[in-house]
């Protein structure tokens, strides 16, 4: 289902999870697992801003300049300033942190950007149809356009982000990096499997679940139970028993401390 597209194509340097969370196999319900084939033809992709030339690969004042642009509401110019710096080998941490903040603001707001298309609602349109057409989840369309309900009206204008997200997890550094159209988007600190239990490979996210239950050792541990370690959200992979999830144990973030899962702060997994 296209509303899940931004998180379906997930390239992981590794991925893994605690054993037997939620359903071990990909669910048959259309609400839980998107179709993998025979998707309708997508509209032409929006133009992606050209990569600015790298004139000062690790400019010491790049973050200061970009921050000033951000404060002035110039989000896209701020992003364009930081992109080439982020591609340099010696890019400072402030570049990635600030770039992630700016990209998130662009994503979740109606600010114009090359990745977005302006669309006027026509007869027969629904948010579900727009999600399938543009490859953006319904929740993102609503959040970015300040919609309080699923109701849209003929003549309304929406600004829709067309993402092409991928996720890479580095279990040595315990860093999860999100890219969009191949470019850095944002990064998060994560927890991975102890003794390198998190397997290496390329996987797809097939399940997105809020308030997940945990299936463990033949027991069903409901959401909210102190024994449920999955936090507030679960992103299940196409490998039974593995995925990305939130955690109540914030001390495990940044460490190799799981049974194979990728753990994130609850606020981070919700955003992802």
C-alpha atoms as a PDB file:
ATOM      1  CA  UNK A   1       0.000   0.000   0.000  1.00  0.00           C
ATOM      2  CA  UNK A   2       1.486   3.187  -1.171  1.00  0.00           C
ATOM      3  CA  UNK A   3       0.909   5.156   1.985  1.00  0.00           C
ATOM      4  CA  UNK A   4       3.691   3.018   3.456  1.00  0.00           C
ATOM      5  CA  UNK A   5       6.107   3.611   0.575  1.00  0.00           C
ATOM      6  CA  UNK A   6       8.488   5.989   2.365  1.00  0.00           C
ATOM      7  CA  UNK A   7       9.466   3.213   4.722  1.00  0.00           C
ATOM      8  CA  UNK A   8       9.057   0.153   2.537  1.00  0.00           C
ATOM      9  CA  UNK A   9      12.340   0.359   0.675  1.00  0.00           C
ATOM     10  CA  UNK A  10      14.814   0.131   3.510  1.00  0.00           C
ATOM     11  CA  UNK A  11      18.490  -0.548   2.899  1.00  0.00           C
ATOM     12  CA  UNK A  12      19.990  -1.610   6.205  1.00  0.00           C
ATOM     13  CA  UNK A  13      23.642  -2.095   6.872  1.00  0.00           C
ATOM     14  CA  UNK A  14      22.103  -4.339   9.498  1.00  0.00           C
ATOM     15  CA  UNK A  15      18.785  -5.002  11.016  1.00  0.00           C
ATOM     16  CA  UNK A  16      17.433  -7.103  13.794  1.00  0.00           C
ATOM     17  CA  UNK A  17      15.207  -7.273  16.781  1.00  0.00           C
ATOM     18  CA  UNK A  18      14.134  -9.097  19.850  1.00  0.00           C
ATOM     19  CA  UNK A  19      12.635 -12.476  19.131  1.00  0.00           C
ATOM     20  CA  UNK A  20       9.010 -12.916  18.065  1.00  0.00           C
ATOM     21  CA  UNK A  21       7.562  -9.414  18.383  1.00  0.00           C
ATOM     22  CA  UNK A  22       4.016  -9.017  17.169  1.00  0.00           C
ATOM     23  CA  UNK A  23       3.285 -11.352  14.246  1.00  0.00           C
ATOM     24  CA  UNK A  24       6.382 -13.247  13.080  1.00  0.00           C
ATOM     25  CA  UNK A  25       5.199 -13.465   9.508  1.00  0.00           C
ATOM     26  CA  UNK A  26       4.091 -10.660   7.245  1.00  0.00           C
ATOM     27  CA  UNK A  27       0.386 -10.128   7.996  1.00  0.00           C
ATOM     28  CA  UNK A  28      -2.256 -10.701   5.393  1.00  0.00           C
ATOM     29  CA  UNK A  29      -4.313  -7.660   6.367  1.00  0.00           C
ATOM     30  CA  UNK A  30      -4.011  -4.845   3.817  1.00  0.00           C
ATOM     31  CA  UNK A  31      -3.767  -2.402   6.700  1.00  0.00           C
ATOM     32  CA  UNK A  32      -0.625  -4.076   7.996  1.00  0.00           C
ATOM     33  CA  UNK A  33       1.381  -5.081   4.934  1.00  0.00           C
ATOM     34  CA  UNK A  34       1.559  -3.148   1.665  1.00  0.00           C
ATOM     35  CA  UNK A  35       1.449  -4.978  -1.685  1.00  0.00           C
ATOM     36  CA  UNK A  36       4.895  -5.700  -3.021  1.00  0.00           C
ATOM     37  CA  UNK A  37       4.123  -5.823  -6.734  1.00  0.00           C
ATOM     38  CA  UNK A  38       1.838  -4.478  -9.423  1.00  0.00           C
ATOM     39  CA  UNK A  39       1.759  -0.947  -8.082  1.00  0.00           C
ATOM     40  CA  UNK A  40       0.092   1.670 -10.306  1.00  0.00           C
ATOM     41  CA  UNK A  41       2.335   3.854 -12.381  1.00  0.00           C
ATOM     42  CA  UNK A  42       3.542   6.793 -10.340  1.00  0.00           C
ATOM     43  CA  UNK A  43       3.458  10.367 -11.641  1.00  0.00           C
ATOM     44  CA  UNK A  44       6.712  11.852 -12.866  1.00  0.00           C
ATOM     45  CA  UNK A  45       9.045  12.424  -9.969  1.00  0.00           C
ATOM     46  CA  UNK A  46       9.494  16.051  -8.958  1.00  0.00           C
ATOM     47  CA  UNK A  47      12.787  17.655  -9.848  1.00  0.00           C
ATOM     48  CA  UNK A  48      15.426  17.209  -7.198  1.00  0.00           C
ATOM     49  CA  UNK A  49      17.590  20.180  -6.439  1.00  0.00           C
ATOM     50  CA  UNK A  50      21.031  19.837  -8.048  1.00  0.00           C
ATOM     51  CA  UNK A  51      23.901  19.229  -5.699  1.00  0.00           C
ATOM     52  CA  UNK A  52      25.629  22.518  -4.956  1.00  0.00           C
ATOM     53  CA  UNK A  53      29.345  22.503  -5.737  1.00  0.00           C
ATOM     54  CA  UNK A  54      31.644  21.760  -2.840  1.00  0.00           C
ATOM     55  CA  UNK A  55      33.594  24.966  -2.461  1.00  0.00           C
ATOM     56  CA  UNK A  56      34.401  24.721   1.248  1.00  0.00           C
ATOM     57  CA  UNK A  57      34.059  21.009   2.164  1.00  0.00           C
ATOM     58  CA  UNK A  58      34.304  21.506   5.903  1.00  0.00           C
ATOM     59  CA  UNK A  59      33.701  25.195   6.332  1.00  0.00           C
ATOM     60  CA  UNK A  60      34.006  26.048   9.997  1.00  0.00           C
ATOM     61  CA  UNK A  61      31.188  28.582   9.806  1.00  0.00           C
ATOM     62  CA  UNK A  62      28.794  26.527   7.658  1.00  0.00           C
ATOM     63  CA  UNK A  63      26.643  25.653  10.669  1.00  0.00           C
ATOM     64  CA  UNK A  64      26.529  29.275  11.821  1.00  0.00           C
ATOM     65  CA  UNK A  65      25.474  30.489   8.369  1.00  0.00           C
ATOM     66  CA  UNK A  66      22.890  27.750   7.963  1.00  0.00           C
ATOM     67  CA  UNK A  67      21.485  28.419  11.431  1.00  0.00           C
ATOM     68  CA  UNK A  68      21.032  32.088  10.534  1.00  0.00           C
ATOM     69  CA  UNK A  69      19.169  31.085   7.368  1.00  0.00           C
ATOM     70  CA  UNK A  70      17.010  28.649   9.348  1.00  0.00           C
ATOM     71  CA  UNK A  71      16.069  31.339  11.855  1.00  0.00           C
ATOM     72  CA  UNK A  72      15.131  33.606   8.936  1.00  0.00           C
ATOM     73  CA  UNK A  73      12.808  30.929   7.582  1.00  0.00           C
ATOM     74  CA  UNK A  74      15.060  30.157   4.615  1.00  0.00           C
ATOM     75  CA  UNK A  75      15.000  26.412   5.086  1.00  0.00           C
ATOM     76  CA  UNK A  76      15.830  25.247   1.565  1.00  0.00           C
ATOM     77  CA  UNK A  77      18.814  27.644   1.177  1.00  0.00           C
ATOM     78  CA  UNK A  78      20.044  26.502   4.598  1.00  0.00           C
ATOM     79  CA  UNK A  79      19.792  22.887   3.512  1.00  0.00           C
ATOM     80  CA  UNK A  80      21.543  23.609   0.217  1.00  0.00           C
ATOM     81  CA  UNK A  81      24.395  25.215   2.126  1.00  0.00           C
ATOM     82  CA  UNK A  82      24.883  22.192   4.364  1.00  0.00           C
ATOM     83  CA  UNK A  83      24.481  19.391   1.826  1.00  0.00           C
ATOM     84  CA  UNK A  84      27.938  19.656   0.219  1.00  0.00           C
ATOM     85  CA  UNK A  85      29.535  20.063   3.627  1.00  0.00           C
ATOM     86  CA  UNK A  86      27.831  16.881   4.841  1.00  0.00           C
ATOM     87  CA  UNK A  87      29.349  14.945   1.944  1.00  0.00           C
ATOM     88  CA  UNK A  88      32.878  15.824   3.031  1.00  0.00           C
ATOM     89  CA  UNK A  89      34.822  13.239   5.003  1.00  0.00           C
ATOM     90  CA  UNK A  90      35.608  15.652   7.819  1.00  0.00           C
ATOM     91  CA  UNK A  91      32.132  17.149   8.221  1.00  0.00           C
ATOM     92  CA  UNK A  92      31.514  18.253  11.833  1.00  0.00           C
ATOM     93  CA  UNK A  93      28.648  16.775  13.830  1.00  0.00           C
ATOM     94  CA  UNK A  94      26.816  20.099  13.877  1.00  0.00           C
ATOM     95  CA  UNK A  95      26.282  19.780  10.112  1.00  0.00           C
ATOM     96  CA  UNK A  96      24.412  16.480  10.409  1.00  0.00           C
ATOM     97  CA  UNK A  97      22.429  17.552  13.464  1.00  0.00           C
ATOM     98  CA  UNK A  98      21.331  20.852  11.930  1.00  0.00           C
ATOM     99  CA  UNK A  99      20.690  19.326   8.522  1.00  0.00           C
ATOM    100  CA  UNK A 100      18.436  16.719  10.128  1.00  0.00           C
ATOM    101  CA  UNK A 101      16.461  19.432  11.920  1.00  0.00           C
ATOM    102  CA  UNK A 102      16.039  21.440   8.727  1.00  0.00           C
ATOM    103  CA  UNK A 103      15.031  18.445   6.628  1.00  0.00           C
ATOM    104  CA  UNK A 104      12.435  17.465   9.221  1.00  0.00           C
ATOM    105  CA  UNK A 105      10.974  20.978   9.237  1.00  0.00           C
ATOM    106  CA  UNK A 106      10.731  20.925   5.430  1.00  0.00           C
ATOM    107  CA  UNK A 107       9.112  17.482   5.479  1.00  0.00           C
ATOM    108  CA  UNK A 108       6.475  18.238   8.102  1.00  0.00           C
ATOM    109  CA  UNK A 109       5.419  21.701   6.916  1.00  0.00           C
ATOM    110  CA  UNK A 110       3.920  23.257   3.768  1.00  0.00           C
ATOM    111  CA  UNK A 111       7.140  25.132   2.987  1.00  0.00           C
ATOM    112  CA  UNK A 112       7.927  24.860  -0.761  1.00  0.00           C
ATOM    113  CA  UNK A 113      10.768  22.557  -1.800  1.00  0.00           C
ATOM    114  CA  UNK A 114      11.875  20.816  -5.026  1.00  0.00           C
ATOM    115  CA  UNK A 115      10.724  17.445  -3.630  1.00  0.00           C
ATOM    116  CA  UNK A 116       7.142  18.675  -3.300  1.00  0.00           C
ATOM    117  CA  UNK A 117       4.313  19.063  -5.775  1.00  0.00           C
ATOM    118  CA  UNK A 118       1.367  21.442  -5.491  1.00  0.00           C
ATOM    119  CA  UNK A 119      -1.870  19.606  -6.108  1.00  0.00           C
ATOM    120  CA  UNK A 120      -5.446  20.865  -6.405  1.00  0.00           C
ATOM    121  CA  UNK A 121      -8.094  18.454  -5.147  1.00  0.00           C
ATOM    122  CA  UNK A 122     -10.370  17.092  -7.871  1.00  0.00           C
ATOM    123  CA  UNK A 123     -13.658  15.225  -7.790  1.00  0.00           C
ATOM    124  CA  UNK A 124     -13.177  11.677  -6.504  1.00  0.00           C
ATOM    125  CA  UNK A 125      -9.906  12.398  -4.708  1.00  0.00           C
ATOM    126  CA  UNK A 126      -9.294  10.951  -1.260  1.00  0.00           C
ATOM    127  CA  UNK A 127      -6.220  11.039   0.930  1.00  0.00           C
ATOM    128  CA  UNK A 128      -5.756   7.326   0.299  1.00  0.00           C
ATOM    129  CA  UNK A 129      -5.741   7.899  -3.466  1.00  0.00           C
ATOM    130  CA  UNK A 130      -3.290  10.779  -3.137  1.00  0.00           C
ATOM    131  CA  UNK A 131      -1.039   8.659  -0.927  1.00  0.00           C
ATOM    132  CA  UNK A 132      -0.985   5.947  -3.596  1.00  0.00           C
ATOM    133  CA  UNK A 133      -0.470   8.454  -6.397  1.00  0.00           C
ATOM    134  CA  UNK A 134       2.399  10.388  -4.852  1.00  0.00           C
ATOM    135  CA  UNK A 135       3.998   7.717  -2.659  1.00  0.00           C
ATOM    136  CA  UNK A 136       3.506   9.658   0.567  1.00  0.00           C
ATOM    137  CA  UNK A 137       1.801   8.250   3.673  1.00  0.00           C
ATOM    138  CA  UNK A 138      -1.549   9.746   4.645  1.00  0.00           C
ATOM    139  CA  UNK A 139      -0.185  10.830   8.017  1.00  0.00           C
ATOM    140  CA  UNK A 140       2.579  12.809   6.311  1.00  0.00           C
ATOM    141  CA  UNK A 141       0.179  14.539   3.895  1.00  0.00           C
ATOM    142  CA  UNK A 142      -2.041  15.546   6.806  1.00  0.00           C
ATOM    143  CA  UNK A 143       0.790  16.735   9.040  1.00  0.00           C
ATOM    144  CA  UNK A 144       2.536  18.718   6.308  1.00  0.00           C
ATOM    145  CA  UNK A 145      -0.689  20.476   5.310  1.00  0.00           C
ATOM    146  CA  UNK A 146      -2.106  20.998   8.804  1.00  0.00           C
ATOM    147  CA  UNK A 147      -5.144  18.816   8.105  1.00  0.00           C
ATOM    148  CA  UNK A 148      -7.118  17.919  11.218  1.00  0.00           C
ATOM    149  CA  UNK A 149      -9.213  15.208   9.556  1.00  0.00           C
ATOM    150  CA  UNK A 150      -9.294  12.995   6.466  1.00  0.00           C
ATOM    151  CA  UNK A 151     -11.799  15.303   4.785  1.00  0.00           C
ATOM    152  CA  UNK A 152     -10.586  17.110   1.662  1.00  0.00           C
ATOM    153  CA  UNK A 153     -12.663  19.276  -0.642  1.00  0.00           C
ATOM    154  CA  UNK A 154     -12.629  19.984  -4.355  1.00  0.00           C
ATOM    155  CA  UNK A 155     -10.452  23.013  -5.003  1.00  0.00           C
ATOM    156  CA  UNK A 156      -8.329  22.614  -1.884  1.00  0.00           C
ATOM    157  CA  UNK A 157      -4.622  22.892  -2.594  1.00  0.00           C
ATOM    158  CA  UNK A 158      -2.133  20.559  -0.945  1.00  0.00           C
ATOM    159  CA  UNK A 159       1.639  20.569  -1.026  1.00  0.00           C
ATOM    160  CA  UNK A 160       2.795  16.942  -1.103  1.00  0.00           C
ATOM    161  CA  UNK A 161       6.312  15.701  -0.422  1.00  0.00           C
ATOM    162  CA  UNK A 162       7.386  12.848  -2.699  1.00  0.00           C
ATOM    163  CA  UNK A 163       9.968  10.882  -0.710  1.00  0.00           C
ATOM    164  CA  UNK A 164      12.352   8.124  -1.642  1.00  0.00           C
ATOM    165  CA  UNK A 165      13.576   7.121   1.780  1.00  0.00           C
ATOM    166  CA  UNK A 166      16.090   4.467   2.703  1.00  0.00           C
ATOM    167  CA  UNK A 167      17.550   3.578   6.094  1.00  0.00           C
ATOM    168  CA  UNK A 168      21.077   2.434   6.885  1.00  0.00           C
ATOM    169  CA  UNK A 169      22.090   1.225  10.324  1.00  0.00           C
ATOM    170  CA  UNK A 170      25.729   1.117  11.349  1.00  0.00           C
ATOM    171  CA  UNK A 171      25.965  -1.338  14.233  1.00  0.00           C
ATOM    172  CA  UNK A 172      29.571  -0.413  14.953  1.00  0.00           C
ATOM    173  CA  UNK A 173      28.702   3.228  15.629  1.00  0.00           C
ATOM    174  CA  UNK A 174      25.080   2.512  16.623  1.00  0.00           C
ATOM    175  CA  UNK A 175      23.833   5.161  14.225  1.00  0.00           C
ATOM    176  CA  UNK A 176      20.746   4.955  11.999  1.00  0.00           C
ATOM    177  CA  UNK A 177      20.925   7.221   8.964  1.00  0.00           C
ATOM    178  CA  UNK A 178      17.921   8.132   6.828  1.00  0.00           C
ATOM    179  CA  UNK A 179      18.526   9.179   3.225  1.00  0.00           C
ATOM    180  CA  UNK A 180      16.085  10.662   0.727  1.00  0.00           C
ATOM    181  CA  UNK A 181      16.788  10.319  -2.995  1.00  0.00           C
ATOM    182  CA  UNK A 182      20.250   9.131  -1.983  1.00  0.00           C
ATOM    183  CA  UNK A 183      21.102  12.199   0.097  1.00  0.00           C
ATOM    184  CA  UNK A 184      21.562  12.527   3.825  1.00  0.00           C
ATOM    185  CA  UNK A 185      18.260  13.332   5.537  1.00  0.00           C
ATOM    186  CA  UNK A 186      18.644  12.678   9.262  1.00  0.00           C
ATOM    187  CA  UNK A 187      20.412  10.398  11.702  1.00  0.00           C
ATOM    188  CA  UNK A 188      19.479   8.856  15.048  1.00  0.00           C
ATOM    189  CA  UNK A 189      21.357   7.096  17.835  1.00  0.00           C
ATOM    190  CA  UNK A 190      20.177   3.517  18.249  1.00  0.00           C
ATOM    191  CA  UNK A 191      20.845   0.366  20.217  1.00  0.00           C
ATOM    192  CA  UNK A 192      21.818  -2.817  18.349  1.00  0.00           C
ATOM    193  CA  UNK A 193      22.429  -6.475  19.173  1.00  0.00           C
ATOM    194  CA  UNK A 194      24.979  -7.434  21.758  1.00  0.00           C
ATOM    195  CA  UNK A 195      27.851  -9.589  20.502  1.00  0.00           C
ATOM    196  CA  UNK A 196      26.948  -8.359  16.997  1.00  0.00           C
ATOM    197  CA  UNK A 197      23.671 -10.324  17.003  1.00  0.00           C
ATOM    198  CA  UNK A 198      22.016  -7.848  14.658  1.00  0.00           C
ATOM    199  CA  UNK A 199      22.273  -9.511  11.240  1.00  0.00           C
ATOM    200  CA  UNK A 200      23.729  -7.783   8.195  1.00  0.00           C
ATOM    201  CA  UNK A 201      21.632  -7.545   5.051  1.00  0.00           C
ATOM    202  CA  UNK A 202      19.073  -5.608   3.047  1.00  0.00           C
ATOM    203  CA  UNK A 203      15.483  -5.844   4.239  1.00  0.00           C
ATOM    204  CA  UNK A 204      12.073  -4.276   3.788  1.00  0.00           C
ATOM    205  CA  UNK A 205       9.855  -2.775   6.463  1.00  0.00           C
ATOM    206  CA  UNK A 206       6.521  -4.530   6.009  1.00  0.00           C
ATOM    207  CA  UNK A 207       4.691  -3.629   9.241  1.00  0.00           C
ATOM    208  CA  UNK A 208       4.175  -0.318  11.006  1.00  0.00           C
ATOM    209  CA  UNK A 209       2.444  -0.677  14.361  1.00  0.00           C
ATOM    210  CA  UNK A 210       1.729   1.724  17.193  1.00  0.00           C
ATOM    211  CA  UNK A 211       1.339   0.380  20.735  1.00  0.00           C
ATOM    212  CA  UNK A 212       2.664  -3.067  19.796  1.00  0.00           C
ATOM    213  CA  UNK A 213       2.140  -6.251  21.739  1.00  0.00           C
ATOM    214  CA  UNK A 214       5.156  -8.484  22.266  1.00  0.00           C
ATOM    215  CA  UNK A 215       5.091 -12.220  21.564  1.00  0.00           C
ATOM    216  CA  UNK A 216       7.859 -13.717  23.690  1.00  0.00           C
ATOM    217  CA  UNK A 217       8.482 -17.329  24.750  1.00  0.00           C
ATOM    218  CA  UNK A 218       4.928 -18.281  23.870  1.00  0.00           C
ATOM    219  CA  UNK A 219       3.472 -15.410  25.897  1.00  0.00           C
ATOM    220  CA  UNK A 220       1.563 -12.387  24.603  1.00  0.00           C
ATOM    221  CA  UNK A 221       2.729  -9.304  26.498  1.00  0.00           C
ATOM    222  CA  UNK A 222       0.275  -6.426  25.934  1.00  0.00           C
ATOM    223  CA  UNK A 223       1.271  -2.858  25.276  1.00  0.00           C
ATOM    224  CA  UNK A 224       1.665  -0.953  28.516  1.00  0.00           C
ATOM    225  CA  UNK A 225       2.852  -3.982  30.472  1.00  0.00           C
ATOM    226  CA  UNK A 226       6.206  -3.306  32.134  1.00  0.00           C
ATOM    227  CA  UNK A 227       7.505  -6.548  30.642  1.00  0.00           C
ATOM    228  CA  UNK A 228       6.804  -5.341  27.074  1.00  0.00           C
ATOM    229  CA  UNK A 229      10.149  -4.069  25.777  1.00  0.00           C
ATOM    230  CA  UNK A 230       8.965  -2.809  22.374  1.00  0.00           C
ATOM    231  CA  UNK A 231       8.251   0.767  23.384  1.00  0.00           C
ATOM    232  CA  UNK A 232       5.555   2.773  21.622  1.00  0.00           C
ATOM    233  CA  UNK A 233       6.103   1.701  18.006  1.00  0.00           C
ATOM    234  CA  UNK A 234       7.217  -1.326  16.011  1.00  0.00           C
ATOM    235  CA  UNK A 235       8.601  -1.428  12.449  1.00  0.00           C
ATOM    236  CA  UNK A 236       8.673  -5.086  11.443  1.00  0.00           C
ATOM    237  CA  UNK A 237      11.040  -6.398   8.793  1.00  0.00           C
ATOM    238  CA  UNK A 238      10.481  -9.102   6.215  1.00  0.00           C
ATOM    239  CA  UNK A 239      12.630 -11.330   8.437  1.00  0.00           C
ATOM    240  CA  UNK A 240      10.403 -12.982  11.078  1.00  0.00           C
ATOM    241  CA  UNK A 241      11.163 -11.805  14.582  1.00  0.00           C
ATOM    242  CA  UNK A 242      13.279  -8.781  13.635  1.00  0.00           C
ATOM    243  CA  UNK A 243      12.577  -5.095  13.339  1.00  0.00           C
ATOM    244  CA  UNK A 244      13.081  -1.615  14.727  1.00  0.00           C
ATOM    245  CA  UNK A 245      11.231  -0.526  17.850  1.00  0.00           C
ATOM    246  CA  UNK A 246      11.050   1.957  20.662  1.00  0.00           C
ATOM    247  CA  UNK A 247      12.315   1.336  24.139  1.00  0.00           C
ATOM    248  CA  UNK A 248      11.715   2.382  27.724  1.00  0.00           C
ATOM    249  CA  UNK A 249      15.363   1.568  28.511  1.00  0.00           C
ATOM    250  CA  UNK A 250      16.990   4.757  27.304  1.00  0.00           C
ATOM    251  CA  UNK A 251      20.363   3.661  28.679  1.00  0.00           C
ATOM    252  CA  UNK A 252      20.573   1.008  25.955  1.00  0.00           C
ATOM    253  CA  UNK A 253      20.634   3.625  23.177  1.00  0.00           C
ATOM    254  CA  UNK A 254      24.081   3.981  21.672  1.00  0.00           C
ATOM    255  CA  UNK A 255      25.118   0.508  22.845  1.00  0.00           C
ATOM    256  CA  UNK A 256      25.154  -3.051  21.569  1.00  0.00           C
ATOM    257  CA  UNK A 257      22.640  -4.253  24.110  1.00  0.00           C
ATOM    258  CA  UNK A 258      19.702  -5.962  22.383  1.00  0.00           C
ATOM    259  CA  UNK A 259      18.892  -9.533  21.369  1.00  0.00           C
ATOM    260  CA  UNK A 260      19.144  -8.439  17.731  1.00  0.00           C
ATOM    261  CA  UNK A 261      16.649  -5.613  17.318  1.00  0.00           C
ATOM    262  CA  UNK A 262      17.405  -2.011  16.463  1.00  0.00           C
ATOM    263  CA  UNK A 263      16.189   0.062  19.397  1.00  0.00           C
ATOM    264  CA  UNK A 264      15.346   3.752  19.254  1.00  0.00           C
ATOM    265  CA  UNK A 265      14.022   6.342  21.654  1.00  0.00           C
ATOM    266  CA  UNK A 266      10.227   6.257  21.594  1.00  0.00           C
ATOM    267  CA  UNK A 267      10.080   9.806  20.204  1.00  0.00           C
ATOM    268  CA  UNK A 268      12.550   8.881  17.449  1.00  0.00           C
ATOM    269  CA  UNK A 269      10.795   5.677  16.336  1.00  0.00           C
ATOM    270  CA  UNK A 270       7.493   7.586  16.250  1.00  0.00           C
ATOM    271  CA  UNK A 271       9.027  10.185  13.955  1.00  0.00           C
ATOM    272  CA  UNK A 272      10.683   7.573  11.769  1.00  0.00           C
END
